[in-house]
Amino acid sequence: IAIIAGGALAYVNDFTAPQIEKINKENLDAGIKSVMGSDDIQVADPVENDGFTCYAVNDADGNSLGSAVTTNENAFGGPMKILVGFDNEGVILGYTVLEHAETPGLGAKANTWFQKGQKGDIIGKNPGKDVFKVSKDVEGGIDAITASTITSRAFLLAIENAYNQYFANGTESTTSVPECPNEKQ
C-alpha cells in the first residue's frame, strides 16, 4: 500500500509540477507589473544574489523604470516573501507579498497595510533616506500592523534589505542607474 501511495503521489507531482510552475510565473509577471505601476513593460532575465532576485524593468521604449526585487525575511509565522518595485533613485513604487504564513486577520494584513493611502504607507518612500522602523521603535515613524509588531518589523526589514541589495554597488546618484548586482561587490 505504501509503495502504491508513494507512486501515486509521485505521478500526481510530476503531472501538476508544470502547471504549478506556469501559475507561479504568471503570478510573478502580474506582480512585477503591479509593483512597477505599469502593464506595458519589458523585464530582463532575473539576477539572483544572496537570496534576492532582481528584475531590471524597462518601459515599452526601452527606458529604465527601475527594478523589481524579491526579498525574504522571517516574520512571526515563518518566512515572508515580498516583491518590491524601486525606481532608479530607490523610491518604492509598489510591493506585493508573494508568500507568507502569518496569522489571518493580523500579520496577513501586510499585503495591504503598507500600501499607498493606508496607515503604514511606504509607497513613495526611499529606504536610503527614510527611517524604516515601526513607530514603537526609537526614531521609528511607520505605523505597525495592529497586534502584529513582529510581522511589521520583519516586513520593513525585508524592504530595507531589498533596497540595500538593489543599491549594493553603492550607486545612489540620479545620473547613474543602479543595476541588479551580478556578484557581491
N, C-alpha and C. Protein backbone atom coordinates (compact mmCIF):
# COMPACT_ATOMS: atom_id res chain seq x y z
N ILE A 1 0.84 -1.20 0.00
CA ILE A 1 0.00 0.00 0.00
C ILE A 1 0.88 1.25 0.00
N ALA A 2 1.94 1.27 0.80
CA ALA A 2 2.83 2.44 0.86
C ALA A 2 3.49 2.69 -0.47
N ILE A 3 3.91 1.63 -1.15
CA ILE A 3 4.57 1.78 -2.46
C ILE A 3 3.58 2.32 -3.48
N ILE A 4 2.37 1.83 -3.47
CA ILE A 4 1.35 2.31 -4.42
C ILE A 4 1.01 3.77 -4.12
N ALA A 5 0.84 4.11 -2.85
CA ALA A 5 0.54 5.50 -2.48
C ALA A 5 1.69 6.42 -2.86
N GLY A 6 2.93 5.98 -2.60
CA GLY A 6 4.10 6.77 -2.97
C GLY A 6 4.19 6.99 -4.46
N GLY A 7 3.91 5.92 -5.22
CA GLY A 7 3.92 6.03 -6.69
C GLY A 7 2.85 6.98 -7.19
N ALA A 8 1.66 6.90 -6.58
CA ALA A 8 0.57 7.79 -6.97
C ALA A 8 0.92 9.24 -6.68
N LEU A 9 1.52 9.50 -5.53
CA LEU A 9 1.92 10.87 -5.19
C LEU A 9 3.00 11.38 -6.15
N ALA A 10 3.94 10.54 -6.50
CA ALA A 10 4.99 10.93 -7.44
C ALA A 10 4.39 11.26 -8.80
N TYR A 11 3.43 10.45 -9.25
CA TYR A 11 2.77 10.69 -10.53
C TYR A 11 2.02 12.02 -10.51
N VAL A 12 1.25 12.25 -9.45
CA VAL A 12 0.49 13.50 -9.34
C VAL A 12 1.44 14.69 -9.31
N ASN A 13 2.54 14.56 -8.58
CA ASN A 13 3.53 15.64 -8.52
C ASN A 13 4.11 15.93 -9.90
N ASP A 14 4.50 14.90 -10.63
CA ASP A 14 5.05 15.09 -11.98
C ASP A 14 4.01 15.68 -12.91
N PHE A 15 2.77 15.29 -12.76
CA PHE A 15 1.69 15.76 -13.61
C PHE A 15 1.36 17.23 -13.35
N THR A 16 1.37 17.64 -12.07
CA THR A 16 0.96 19.00 -11.72
C THR A 16 2.11 20.01 -11.68
N ALA A 17 3.36 19.56 -11.60
CA ALA A 17 4.50 20.48 -11.47
C ALA A 17 4.56 21.52 -12.59
N PRO A 18 4.41 21.14 -13.87
CA PRO A 18 4.46 22.17 -14.92
C PRO A 18 3.36 23.22 -14.79
N GLN A 19 2.16 22.79 -14.40
CA GLN A 19 1.05 23.73 -14.24
C GLN A 19 1.31 24.67 -13.07
N ILE A 20 1.84 24.14 -11.97
CA ILE A 20 2.17 24.98 -10.81
C ILE A 20 3.25 25.99 -11.18
N GLU A 21 4.26 25.55 -11.93
CA GLU A 21 5.32 26.45 -12.37
C GLU A 21 4.77 27.54 -13.28
N LYS A 22 3.86 27.19 -14.17
CA LYS A 22 3.23 28.17 -15.07
C LYS A 22 2.45 29.20 -14.27
N ILE A 23 1.68 28.75 -13.29
CA ILE A 23 0.88 29.66 -12.46
C ILE A 23 1.79 30.59 -11.65
N ASN A 24 2.87 30.05 -11.09
CA ASN A 24 3.82 30.87 -10.33
C ASN A 24 4.44 31.94 -11.21
N LYS A 25 4.79 31.58 -12.46
CA LYS A 25 5.38 32.56 -13.39
C LYS A 25 4.36 33.65 -13.73
N GLU A 26 3.12 33.26 -13.98
CA GLU A 26 2.07 34.24 -14.28
C GLU A 26 1.85 35.18 -13.09
N ASN A 27 1.86 34.63 -11.88
CA ASN A 27 1.69 35.46 -10.68
C ASN A 27 2.87 36.43 -10.52
N LEU A 28 4.09 35.94 -10.79
CA LEU A 28 5.26 36.80 -10.70
C LEU A 28 5.20 37.92 -11.74
N ASP A 29 4.83 37.57 -12.97
CA ASP A 29 4.72 38.58 -14.03
C ASP A 29 3.68 39.64 -13.67
N ALA A 30 2.54 39.20 -13.16
CA ALA A 30 1.50 40.15 -12.73
C ALA A 30 2.00 40.99 -11.55
N GLY A 31 2.74 40.37 -10.65
CA GLY A 31 3.30 41.09 -9.51
C GLY A 31 4.28 42.16 -9.93
N ILE A 32 5.14 41.83 -10.89
CA ILE A 32 6.12 42.82 -11.38
C ILE A 32 5.39 44.00 -12.01
N LYS A 33 4.39 43.74 -12.81
CA LYS A 33 3.61 44.82 -13.41
C LYS A 33 2.96 45.68 -12.33
N SER A 34 2.44 45.03 -11.30
CA SER A 34 1.78 45.74 -10.22
C SER A 34 2.75 46.62 -9.44
N VAL A 35 3.90 46.06 -9.03
CA VAL A 35 4.83 46.84 -8.20
C VAL A 35 5.53 47.94 -8.99
N MET A 36 5.61 47.79 -10.30
CA MET A 36 6.24 48.83 -11.12
C MET A 36 5.21 49.84 -11.61
N GLY A 37 3.92 49.56 -11.43
CA GLY A 37 2.87 50.50 -11.78
C GLY A 37 2.62 50.65 -13.26
N SER A 38 2.91 49.60 -14.05
CA SER A 38 2.70 49.68 -15.49
C SER A 38 2.47 48.28 -16.05
N ASP A 39 1.57 48.20 -17.03
CA ASP A 39 1.33 46.92 -17.70
C ASP A 39 2.19 46.76 -18.94
N ASP A 40 2.69 47.86 -19.47
CA ASP A 40 3.46 47.84 -20.72
C ASP A 40 4.95 47.92 -20.40
N ILE A 41 5.53 46.80 -19.98
CA ILE A 41 6.92 46.78 -19.56
C ILE A 41 7.69 45.63 -20.21
N GLN A 42 9.00 45.76 -20.16
CA GLN A 42 9.90 44.70 -20.59
C GLN A 42 10.73 44.33 -19.37
N VAL A 43 10.80 43.04 -19.08
CA VAL A 43 11.52 42.57 -17.91
C VAL A 43 12.73 41.76 -18.35
N ALA A 44 13.91 42.15 -17.86
CA ALA A 44 15.14 41.44 -18.19
C ALA A 44 15.19 40.12 -17.42
N ASP A 45 16.08 39.25 -17.84
CA ASP A 45 16.28 37.99 -17.13
C ASP A 45 16.66 38.29 -15.68
N PRO A 46 16.18 37.47 -14.77
CA PRO A 46 16.47 37.71 -13.36
C PRO A 46 17.95 37.50 -13.02
N VAL A 47 18.40 38.27 -12.03
CA VAL A 47 19.74 38.11 -11.48
C VAL A 47 19.55 37.73 -10.02
N GLU A 48 20.11 36.58 -9.64
CA GLU A 48 19.98 36.11 -8.26
C GLU A 48 21.27 36.33 -7.51
N ASN A 49 21.15 36.78 -6.25
CA ASN A 49 22.32 37.04 -5.43
C ASN A 49 21.92 37.02 -3.96
N ASP A 50 22.54 36.15 -3.18
CA ASP A 50 22.34 36.10 -1.72
C ASP A 50 20.87 36.04 -1.30
N GLY A 51 20.06 35.25 -1.99
CA GLY A 51 18.65 35.12 -1.60
C GLY A 51 17.73 36.17 -2.18
N PHE A 52 18.26 37.10 -2.94
CA PHE A 52 17.46 38.13 -3.59
C PHE A 52 17.41 37.82 -5.08
N THR A 53 16.31 38.16 -5.72
CA THR A 53 16.22 38.04 -7.17
C THR A 53 15.81 39.41 -7.70
N CYS A 54 16.61 39.94 -8.61
CA CYS A 54 16.34 41.27 -9.17
C CYS A 54 15.90 41.15 -10.63
N TYR A 55 14.92 41.94 -10.99
CA TYR A 55 14.41 42.00 -12.35
C TYR A 55 14.51 43.45 -12.82
N ALA A 56 15.43 43.72 -13.75
CA ALA A 56 15.52 45.07 -14.33
C ALA A 56 14.29 45.27 -15.21
N VAL A 57 13.65 46.42 -15.09
CA VAL A 57 12.39 46.66 -15.80
C VAL A 57 12.52 47.93 -16.64
N ASN A 58 12.13 47.81 -17.91
CA ASN A 58 12.11 48.94 -18.84
C ASN A 58 10.70 49.18 -19.32
N ASP A 59 10.44 50.40 -19.79
CA ASP A 59 9.13 50.66 -20.41
C ASP A 59 9.16 50.12 -21.84
N ALA A 60 8.09 50.30 -22.57
CA ALA A 60 7.98 49.76 -23.92
C ALA A 60 9.03 50.34 -24.87
N ASP A 61 9.53 51.55 -24.57
CA ASP A 61 10.55 52.18 -25.41
C ASP A 61 11.97 51.80 -25.00
N GLY A 62 12.11 50.97 -23.98
CA GLY A 62 13.43 50.55 -23.53
C GLY A 62 14.06 51.42 -22.47
N ASN A 63 13.31 52.42 -21.97
CA ASN A 63 13.82 53.29 -20.91
C ASN A 63 13.66 52.61 -19.55
N SER A 64 14.68 52.70 -18.73
CA SER A 64 14.66 52.04 -17.43
C SER A 64 13.61 52.64 -16.51
N LEU A 65 12.80 51.77 -15.92
CA LEU A 65 11.83 52.19 -14.91
C LEU A 65 12.36 51.92 -13.51
N GLY A 66 13.36 51.03 -13.42
CA GLY A 66 13.91 50.63 -12.14
C GLY A 66 14.02 49.13 -12.08
N SER A 67 13.81 48.57 -10.90
CA SER A 67 13.90 47.13 -10.72
C SER A 67 12.86 46.63 -9.74
N ALA A 68 12.46 45.38 -9.96
CA ALA A 68 11.62 44.66 -9.01
C ALA A 68 12.53 43.66 -8.32
N VAL A 69 12.45 43.60 -7.00
CA VAL A 69 13.35 42.75 -6.22
C VAL A 69 12.53 41.86 -5.30
N THR A 70 12.83 40.56 -5.31
CA THR A 70 12.20 39.67 -4.33
C THR A 70 13.12 39.59 -3.12
N THR A 71 12.51 39.57 -1.96
CA THR A 71 13.23 39.52 -0.70
C THR A 71 12.49 38.60 0.26
N ASN A 72 13.21 38.00 1.16
CA ASN A 72 12.63 37.10 2.15
C ASN A 72 13.06 37.53 3.54
N GLU A 73 12.17 37.35 4.49
CA GLU A 73 12.51 37.62 5.89
C GLU A 73 11.61 36.75 6.76
N ASN A 74 12.15 36.28 7.86
CA ASN A 74 11.34 35.52 8.80
C ASN A 74 10.48 36.47 9.61
N ALA A 75 9.19 36.23 9.59
CA ALA A 75 8.24 37.03 10.35
C ALA A 75 7.70 36.17 11.51
N PHE A 76 6.62 36.57 12.09
CA PHE A 76 6.06 35.87 13.24
C PHE A 76 5.68 34.44 12.90
N GLY A 77 5.02 34.23 11.76
CA GLY A 77 4.53 32.91 11.39
C GLY A 77 5.50 32.10 10.55
N GLY A 78 6.62 32.67 10.18
CA GLY A 78 7.59 31.98 9.33
C GLY A 78 8.05 32.89 8.21
N PRO A 79 8.61 32.30 7.17
CA PRO A 79 9.15 33.11 6.06
C PRO A 79 8.07 33.94 5.35
N MET A 80 8.46 35.15 4.99
CA MET A 80 7.61 36.05 4.22
C MET A 80 8.40 36.45 2.98
N LYS A 81 7.83 36.23 1.79
CA LYS A 81 8.48 36.58 0.53
C LYS A 81 7.75 37.78 -0.06
N ILE A 82 8.52 38.82 -0.35
CA ILE A 82 7.94 40.08 -0.82
C ILE A 82 8.59 40.48 -2.14
N LEU A 83 7.81 41.02 -3.04
CA LEU A 83 8.31 41.60 -4.28
C LEU A 83 8.11 43.10 -4.17
N VAL A 84 9.20 43.86 -4.30
CA VAL A 84 9.11 45.32 -4.16
C VAL A 84 9.69 45.97 -5.41
N GLY A 85 9.03 47.02 -5.88
CA GLY A 85 9.49 47.76 -7.05
C GLY A 85 10.13 49.07 -6.64
N PHE A 86 11.33 49.32 -7.17
CA PHE A 86 12.05 50.56 -6.92
C PHE A 86 12.25 51.31 -8.22
N ASP A 87 12.14 52.65 -8.17
CA ASP A 87 12.54 53.42 -9.33
C ASP A 87 14.06 53.52 -9.32
N ASN A 88 14.62 54.26 -10.25
CA ASN A 88 16.08 54.33 -10.38
C ASN A 88 16.77 55.08 -9.25
N GLU A 89 16.00 55.81 -8.43
CA GLU A 89 16.58 56.53 -7.29
C GLU A 89 16.36 55.78 -5.98
N GLY A 90 15.68 54.63 -6.03
CA GLY A 90 15.44 53.84 -4.83
C GLY A 90 14.13 54.12 -4.15
N VAL A 91 13.27 54.89 -4.78
CA VAL A 91 11.95 55.18 -4.24
C VAL A 91 11.04 53.97 -4.51
N ILE A 92 10.28 53.59 -3.50
CA ILE A 92 9.39 52.44 -3.62
C ILE A 92 8.19 52.81 -4.48
N LEU A 93 7.99 52.03 -5.55
CA LEU A 93 6.86 52.24 -6.45
C LEU A 93 5.66 51.41 -6.01
N GLY A 94 5.94 50.24 -5.45
CA GLY A 94 4.88 49.35 -5.01
C GLY A 94 5.48 48.07 -4.45
N TYR A 95 4.63 47.25 -3.87
CA TYR A 95 5.08 45.96 -3.35
C TYR A 95 3.90 45.00 -3.35
N THR A 96 4.21 43.73 -3.27
CA THR A 96 3.21 42.71 -3.05
C THR A 96 3.83 41.58 -2.25
N VAL A 97 3.06 41.01 -1.37
CA VAL A 97 3.52 39.86 -0.59
C VAL A 97 3.23 38.62 -1.43
N LEU A 98 4.29 37.91 -1.81
CA LEU A 98 4.14 36.73 -2.64
C LEU A 98 3.78 35.48 -1.84
N GLU A 99 4.41 35.33 -0.67
CA GLU A 99 4.15 34.17 0.18
C GLU A 99 4.27 34.59 1.64
N HIS A 100 3.46 33.98 2.49
CA HIS A 100 3.58 34.24 3.93
C HIS A 100 2.87 33.13 4.69
N ALA A 101 3.16 33.05 5.97
CA ALA A 101 2.49 32.10 6.86
C ALA A 101 1.98 32.85 8.09
N GLU A 102 1.59 34.08 7.90
CA GLU A 102 1.16 34.92 9.01
C GLU A 102 -0.29 34.63 9.40
N THR A 103 -0.66 35.03 10.58
CA THR A 103 -1.99 34.81 11.11
C THR A 103 -3.03 35.58 10.29
N PRO A 104 -4.04 34.87 9.78
CA PRO A 104 -5.09 35.57 9.03
C PRO A 104 -5.75 36.64 9.91
N GLY A 105 -5.97 37.80 9.33
CA GLY A 105 -6.60 38.89 10.05
C GLY A 105 -5.63 39.73 10.86
N LEU A 106 -4.39 39.25 11.04
CA LEU A 106 -3.39 40.03 11.77
C LEU A 106 -2.20 40.27 10.85
N GLY A 107 -1.18 39.43 10.96
CA GLY A 107 0.03 39.62 10.16
C GLY A 107 -0.21 39.53 8.66
N ALA A 108 -1.26 38.81 8.27
CA ALA A 108 -1.58 38.69 6.85
C ALA A 108 -1.96 40.04 6.24
N LYS A 109 -2.26 41.03 7.09
CA LYS A 109 -2.61 42.37 6.61
C LYS A 109 -1.42 43.10 5.97
N ALA A 110 -0.22 42.53 6.06
CA ALA A 110 0.96 43.18 5.48
C ALA A 110 0.78 43.45 4.00
N ASN A 111 -0.04 42.65 3.33
CA ASN A 111 -0.24 42.85 1.89
C ASN A 111 -0.98 44.15 1.59
N THR A 112 -1.70 44.69 2.56
CA THR A 112 -2.44 45.93 2.32
C THR A 112 -2.02 47.07 3.25
N TRP A 113 -1.56 46.76 4.44
CA TRP A 113 -1.30 47.74 5.48
C TRP A 113 -0.32 48.83 5.05
N PHE A 114 0.70 48.48 4.29
CA PHE A 114 1.76 49.42 3.92
C PHE A 114 1.56 50.02 2.53
N GLN A 115 0.41 49.77 1.92
CA GLN A 115 0.12 50.30 0.58
C GLN A 115 -0.22 51.79 0.65
N LYS A 116 -0.20 52.44 -0.49
CA LYS A 116 -0.49 53.87 -0.60
C LYS A 116 -1.85 54.20 0.01
N GLY A 117 -1.84 55.20 0.87
CA GLY A 117 -3.08 55.66 1.49
C GLY A 117 -3.48 54.90 2.75
N GLN A 118 -2.75 53.85 3.08
CA GLN A 118 -3.07 53.07 4.28
C GLN A 118 -2.27 53.59 5.47
N LYS A 119 -2.52 53.06 6.65
CA LYS A 119 -1.89 53.56 7.88
C LYS A 119 -0.37 53.48 7.87
N GLY A 120 0.19 52.42 7.29
CA GLY A 120 1.64 52.25 7.28
C GLY A 120 2.28 52.58 5.95
N ASP A 121 1.64 53.40 5.15
CA ASP A 121 2.05 53.74 3.78
C ASP A 121 3.57 53.92 3.62
N ILE A 122 4.18 53.06 2.77
CA ILE A 122 5.62 53.19 2.46
C ILE A 122 5.84 53.55 1.00
N ILE A 123 4.78 53.60 0.20
CA ILE A 123 4.91 53.89 -1.22
C ILE A 123 5.38 55.34 -1.37
N GLY A 124 6.39 55.53 -2.21
CA GLY A 124 6.96 56.85 -2.41
C GLY A 124 8.10 57.17 -1.46
N LYS A 125 8.39 56.25 -0.54
CA LYS A 125 9.49 56.46 0.40
C LYS A 125 10.75 55.78 -0.14
N ASN A 126 11.88 56.27 0.35
CA ASN A 126 13.18 55.73 -0.05
C ASN A 126 13.88 55.19 1.19
N PRO A 127 14.09 53.87 1.27
CA PRO A 127 14.74 53.29 2.46
C PRO A 127 16.15 53.82 2.71
N GLY A 128 16.77 54.42 1.73
CA GLY A 128 18.09 55.01 1.93
C GLY A 128 18.02 56.38 2.58
N LYS A 129 16.85 56.99 2.56
CA LYS A 129 16.70 58.34 3.12
C LYS A 129 15.70 58.39 4.27
N ASP A 130 14.72 57.49 4.25
CA ASP A 130 13.69 57.46 5.28
C ASP A 130 13.99 56.35 6.28
N VAL A 131 13.56 56.55 7.52
CA VAL A 131 13.75 55.53 8.56
C VAL A 131 12.67 54.47 8.39
N PHE A 132 13.08 53.22 8.25
CA PHE A 132 12.15 52.12 8.05
C PHE A 132 12.04 51.30 9.34
N LYS A 133 11.44 51.93 10.35
CA LYS A 133 11.22 51.30 11.64
C LYS A 133 9.80 51.63 12.08
N VAL A 134 9.22 50.70 12.82
CA VAL A 134 7.86 50.94 13.32
C VAL A 134 7.88 52.04 14.37
N SER A 135 6.77 52.71 14.54
CA SER A 135 6.70 53.87 15.45
C SER A 135 6.97 53.49 16.90
N LYS A 136 6.85 52.22 17.28
CA LYS A 136 7.16 51.78 18.64
C LYS A 136 8.67 51.78 18.90
N ASP A 137 9.47 51.73 17.83
CA ASP A 137 10.92 51.70 17.97
C ASP A 137 11.49 53.11 18.01
N VAL A 138 12.68 53.25 18.54
CA VAL A 138 13.36 54.54 18.60
C VAL A 138 13.50 55.08 17.17
N GLU A 139 13.12 56.31 16.97
CA GLU A 139 13.19 57.02 15.70
C GLU A 139 12.26 56.44 14.63
N GLY A 140 11.44 55.46 14.99
CA GLY A 140 10.53 54.86 14.03
C GLY A 140 9.37 55.77 13.73
N GLY A 141 8.85 55.68 12.52
CA GLY A 141 7.74 56.55 12.15
C GLY A 141 6.69 55.87 11.30
N ILE A 142 6.80 54.56 11.13
CA ILE A 142 5.83 53.84 10.31
C ILE A 142 4.91 53.05 11.23
N ASP A 143 3.60 53.24 11.06
CA ASP A 143 2.64 52.55 11.91
C ASP A 143 2.69 51.05 11.67
N ALA A 144 2.84 50.30 12.75
CA ALA A 144 2.86 48.84 12.68
C ALA A 144 1.43 48.33 12.51
N ILE A 145 1.31 47.13 11.97
CA ILE A 145 0.02 46.47 11.89
C ILE A 145 -0.45 46.23 13.32
N THR A 146 -1.67 46.58 13.60
CA THR A 146 -2.22 46.41 14.94
C THR A 146 -2.08 44.96 15.39
N ALA A 147 -1.46 44.76 16.54
CA ALA A 147 -1.23 43.45 17.15
C ALA A 147 -0.27 42.57 16.34
N SER A 148 0.50 43.16 15.45
CA SER A 148 1.45 42.40 14.63
C SER A 148 2.76 43.16 14.46
N THR A 149 3.33 43.60 15.57
CA THR A 149 4.56 44.38 15.51
C THR A 149 5.72 43.55 14.96
N ILE A 150 5.80 42.27 15.33
CA ILE A 150 6.90 41.42 14.84
C ILE A 150 6.82 41.29 13.33
N THR A 151 5.64 41.05 12.80
CA THR A 151 5.45 40.95 11.36
C THR A 151 5.81 42.27 10.69
N SER A 152 5.39 43.38 11.27
CA SER A 152 5.67 44.70 10.70
C SER A 152 7.17 44.96 10.66
N ARG A 153 7.87 44.63 11.74
CA ARG A 153 9.32 44.81 11.77
C ARG A 153 9.99 43.95 10.70
N ALA A 154 9.56 42.71 10.58
CA ALA A 154 10.13 41.80 9.57
C ALA A 154 9.86 42.32 8.16
N PHE A 155 8.65 42.80 7.94
CA PHE A 155 8.30 43.34 6.62
C PHE A 155 9.19 44.53 6.26
N LEU A 156 9.32 45.48 7.17
CA LEU A 156 10.14 46.66 6.90
C LEU A 156 11.61 46.30 6.73
N LEU A 157 12.10 45.33 7.50
CA LEU A 157 13.47 44.87 7.34
C LEU A 157 13.67 44.24 5.98
N ALA A 158 12.70 43.47 5.51
CA ALA A 158 12.79 42.86 4.19
C ALA A 158 12.88 43.92 3.09
N ILE A 159 12.07 44.96 3.21
CA ILE A 159 12.09 46.05 2.22
C ILE A 159 13.44 46.76 2.27
N GLU A 160 13.92 47.04 3.47
CA GLU A 160 15.21 47.70 3.63
C GLU A 160 16.35 46.83 3.07
N ASN A 161 16.30 45.53 3.31
CA ASN A 161 17.32 44.62 2.78
C ASN A 161 17.28 44.57 1.26
N ALA A 162 16.08 44.60 0.68
CA ALA A 162 15.96 44.61 -0.78
C ALA A 162 16.57 45.89 -1.34
N TYR A 163 16.31 47.01 -0.68
CA TYR A 163 16.92 48.28 -1.10
C TYR A 163 18.44 48.19 -1.04
N ASN A 164 18.96 47.68 0.09
CA ASN A 164 20.41 47.57 0.24
C ASN A 164 21.02 46.66 -0.82
N GLN A 165 20.32 45.60 -1.18
CA GLN A 165 20.83 44.70 -2.22
C GLN A 165 20.75 45.38 -3.58
N TYR A 166 19.67 46.09 -3.83
CA TYR A 166 19.46 46.79 -5.10
C TYR A 166 20.53 47.85 -5.31
N PHE A 167 20.89 48.52 -4.25
CA PHE A 167 21.91 49.55 -4.33
C PHE A 167 23.25 49.05 -3.80
N ALA A 168 23.50 47.75 -3.88
CA ALA A 168 24.72 47.14 -3.34
C ALA A 168 25.98 47.67 -4.02
N ASN A 169 25.83 48.19 -5.24
CA ASN A 169 27.02 48.71 -5.93
C ASN A 169 27.37 50.12 -5.47
N GLY A 170 26.62 50.64 -4.51
CA GLY A 170 26.94 51.95 -3.93
C GLY A 170 26.48 53.12 -4.77
N THR A 171 25.75 52.87 -5.84
CA THR A 171 25.30 53.93 -6.72
C THR A 171 23.96 54.45 -6.26
N GLU A 172 23.94 55.69 -5.84
CA GLU A 172 22.66 56.29 -5.43
C GLU A 172 22.44 57.62 -6.13
N SER A 173 23.19 57.89 -7.17
CA SER A 173 23.02 59.18 -7.84
C SER A 173 21.93 59.07 -8.89
N THR A 174 21.37 60.18 -9.26
CA THR A 174 20.31 60.17 -10.26
C THR A 174 20.89 60.12 -11.68
N THR A 175 22.19 60.27 -11.82
CA THR A 175 22.79 60.24 -13.15
C THR A 175 23.25 58.85 -13.55
N SER A 176 23.36 57.94 -12.61
CA SER A 176 23.80 56.58 -12.91
C SER A 176 22.77 55.61 -12.37
N VAL A 177 22.15 54.87 -13.26
CA VAL A 177 21.09 53.96 -12.89
C VAL A 177 21.69 52.71 -12.25
N PRO A 178 21.31 52.41 -11.01
CA PRO A 178 21.81 51.18 -10.39
C PRO A 178 21.23 49.96 -11.08
N GLU A 179 21.99 48.91 -11.13
CA GLU A 179 21.52 47.69 -11.74
C GLU A 179 21.50 46.59 -10.69
N CYS A 180 20.70 45.58 -10.96
CA CYS A 180 20.71 44.44 -10.07
C CYS A 180 22.12 43.87 -10.06
N PRO A 181 22.70 43.67 -8.89
CA PRO A 181 24.09 43.22 -8.82
C PRO A 181 24.26 41.80 -9.36
N ASN A 182 25.34 41.60 -10.12
CA ASN A 182 25.66 40.28 -10.65
C ASN A 182 26.49 39.48 -9.67
N GLU A 183 27.22 40.16 -8.84
CA GLU A 183 28.08 39.50 -7.87
C GLU A 183 28.27 40.42 -6.70
N LYS A 184 28.72 39.88 -5.61
CA LYS A 184 28.97 40.71 -4.43
C LYS A 184 30.12 41.66 -4.70
N GLN A 185 29.95 42.91 -4.33
CA GLN A 185 30.99 43.92 -4.55
C GLN A 185 31.99 43.90 -3.46
